[in-house]
Amino acid sequence: MLIKFSPVRMNVEKFILAVDIDSIMINGDKFDFSSLNEGDVLPAGAVDSQWVIGEVTRREGQVELTIVLPHGPNAPHERRFPDPVSITEAGKVDLPPYDEPPTQPGLPELSATDEVANGND
């Protein structure tokens, strides 16, 4: 299965993807594309899900689809600009972190040595 992502800034409690050959599970909802034949295309909107956008097709034997990928306000670059992933084994899809703690620009990070030297032990 080839999964392309469309990153969107949104607050979500959870976002879990899992794949099993020709089906995908998104937050517990299963979408089975096993009846999709080579070259078939499901038009945008044919899949009743807020997470599946655009067409779903089977090309060179694998299902191809685009999934909305939610991210937080401080998401890392790889979550905001994800590469497509080709999944060949059943299981959970590893995704980059949803968010990271905010950083304060201009403030250097202190090492343990700096904290001890400044009396902050």
Protein backbone atom coordinates (compact mmCIF):
# COMPACT_ATOMS: atom_id res chain seq x y z
CA MET A 1 0.00 0.00 0.00
CA LEU A 2 1.30 3.44 -0.90
CA ILE A 3 0.16 6.10 1.55
CA LYS A 4 0.58 9.75 0.72
CA PHE A 5 -0.10 12.32 3.41
CA SER A 6 -1.81 15.68 3.47
CA PRO A 7 -0.67 17.38 6.70
CA VAL A 8 -3.23 19.56 8.47
CA ARG A 9 -2.88 21.51 11.71
CA MET A 10 -5.63 20.20 14.00
CA ASN A 11 -6.14 19.13 17.58
CA VAL A 12 -6.79 15.40 17.84
CA GLU A 13 -6.80 13.06 20.80
CA LYS A 14 -5.28 10.20 18.83
CA PHE A 15 -4.32 9.26 15.30
CA ILE A 16 -3.44 5.63 14.70
CA LEU A 17 -2.89 4.01 11.31
CA ALA A 18 -2.58 0.28 10.71
CA VAL A 19 -2.43 -1.64 7.43
CA ASP A 20 -3.37 -5.23 6.60
CA ILE A 21 -2.63 -6.06 2.93
CA ASP A 22 -5.43 -4.17 1.10
CA SER A 23 -7.16 -2.55 4.06
CA ILE A 24 -6.29 0.33 6.32
CA MET A 25 -7.48 1.04 9.83
CA ILE A 26 -7.64 4.67 10.94
CA ASN A 27 -8.41 5.25 14.61
CA GLY A 28 -10.23 1.92 14.73
CA ASP A 29 -12.29 2.40 11.53
CA LYS A 30 -11.43 -0.20 8.88
CA PHE A 31 -11.50 0.53 5.15
CA ASP A 32 -11.20 -2.53 2.91
CA PHE A 33 -9.96 -1.99 -0.65
CA SER A 34 -9.51 -5.68 -1.57
CA SER A 35 -12.25 -5.44 -4.24
CA LEU A 36 -10.34 -2.66 -6.03
CA ASN A 37 -8.91 -4.15 -9.25
CA GLU A 38 -5.79 -3.02 -11.09
CA GLY A 39 -6.42 0.42 -12.59
CA ASP A 40 -9.72 0.94 -10.76
CA VAL A 41 -10.25 4.37 -9.22
CA LEU A 42 -12.54 5.35 -6.40
CA PRO A 43 -13.25 9.04 -6.90
CA ALA A 44 -12.60 11.63 -4.21
CA GLY A 45 -15.39 11.48 -1.63
CA ALA A 46 -16.26 7.82 -2.35
CA VAL A 47 -14.70 6.75 0.96
CA ASP A 48 -16.83 7.93 3.86
CA SER A 49 -14.05 9.26 6.08
CA GLN A 50 -12.66 12.63 7.06
CA TRP A 51 -9.18 11.07 6.88
CA VAL A 52 -9.18 9.65 3.32
CA ILE A 53 -9.00 12.42 0.74
CA GLY A 54 -8.69 12.33 -3.02
CA GLU A 55 -8.87 9.26 -5.20
CA VAL A 56 -8.06 5.72 -4.13
CA THR A 57 -6.61 3.51 -6.84
CA ARG A 58 -4.71 0.28 -7.41
CA ARG A 59 -1.55 0.71 -9.43
CA GLU A 60 1.09 -1.97 -10.02
CA GLY A 61 -0.72 -4.23 -7.57
CA GLN A 62 -0.80 -1.87 -4.62
CA VAL A 63 -3.51 0.38 -3.26
CA GLU A 64 -2.62 4.09 -3.37
CA LEU A 65 -4.40 6.68 -1.27
CA THR A 66 -3.93 10.00 0.50
CA ILE A 67 -4.57 10.36 4.23
CA VAL A 68 -4.99 13.55 6.23
CA LEU A 69 -2.13 13.68 8.75
CA PRO A 70 -2.99 15.88 11.73
CA HIS A 71 -0.20 17.74 13.47
CA GLY A 72 0.22 20.04 16.45
CA PRO A 73 1.42 23.66 16.52
CA ASN A 74 5.06 22.68 17.08
CA ALA A 75 5.17 19.56 14.92
CA PRO A 76 8.56 18.50 13.62
CA HIS A 77 9.45 19.04 9.98
CA GLU A 78 8.96 15.37 9.07
CA ARG A 79 5.34 15.50 10.33
CA ARG A 80 4.53 18.76 8.52
CA PHE A 81 6.24 17.68 5.30
CA PRO A 82 5.96 13.87 5.28
CA ASP A 83 7.24 11.63 2.52
CA PRO A 84 4.89 8.99 1.11
CA VAL A 85 5.33 5.55 2.64
CA SER A 86 5.12 2.18 0.95
CA ILE A 87 3.80 -0.44 3.38
CA THR A 88 4.56 -4.06 2.57
CA GLU A 89 3.79 -5.74 5.90
CA ALA A 90 0.70 -5.75 8.07
CA GLY A 91 0.85 -3.72 11.25
CA LYS A 92 0.85 -0.28 12.74
CA VAL A 93 2.24 2.53 10.57
CA ASP A 94 5.03 4.45 12.29
CA LEU A 95 4.38 8.19 12.09
CA PRO A 96 6.56 11.15 13.09
CA PRO A 97 5.64 12.82 16.40
CA TYR A 98 2.37 14.78 16.42
CA ASP A 99 3.96 17.72 18.25
CA GLU A 100 7.06 18.82 20.14
CA PRO A 101 7.43 21.08 23.16
CA PRO A 102 7.70 24.75 22.14
CA THR A 103 11.13 26.32 22.25
CA GLN A 104 11.89 29.87 23.25
CA PRO A 105 13.99 31.53 20.57
CA GLY A 106 17.18 33.17 21.76
CA LEU A 107 17.53 31.16 24.98
CA PRO A 108 20.43 28.70 24.91
CA GLU A 109 19.83 25.21 26.22
CA LEU A 110 21.77 24.51 29.42
CA SER A 111 23.72 21.33 29.84
CA ALA A 112 24.05 19.58 33.20
CA THR A 113 27.59 21.04 33.46
CA ASP A 114 26.27 24.59 32.97
CA GLU A 115 23.59 24.09 35.64
CA VAL A 116 26.12 22.82 38.19
CA ALA A 117 28.52 25.69 37.37
CA ASN A 118 25.69 28.17 38.00
CA GLY A 119 24.76 26.59 41.32
CA ASN A 120 21.58 24.92 40.01
CA ASP A 121 22.25 21.37 41.16
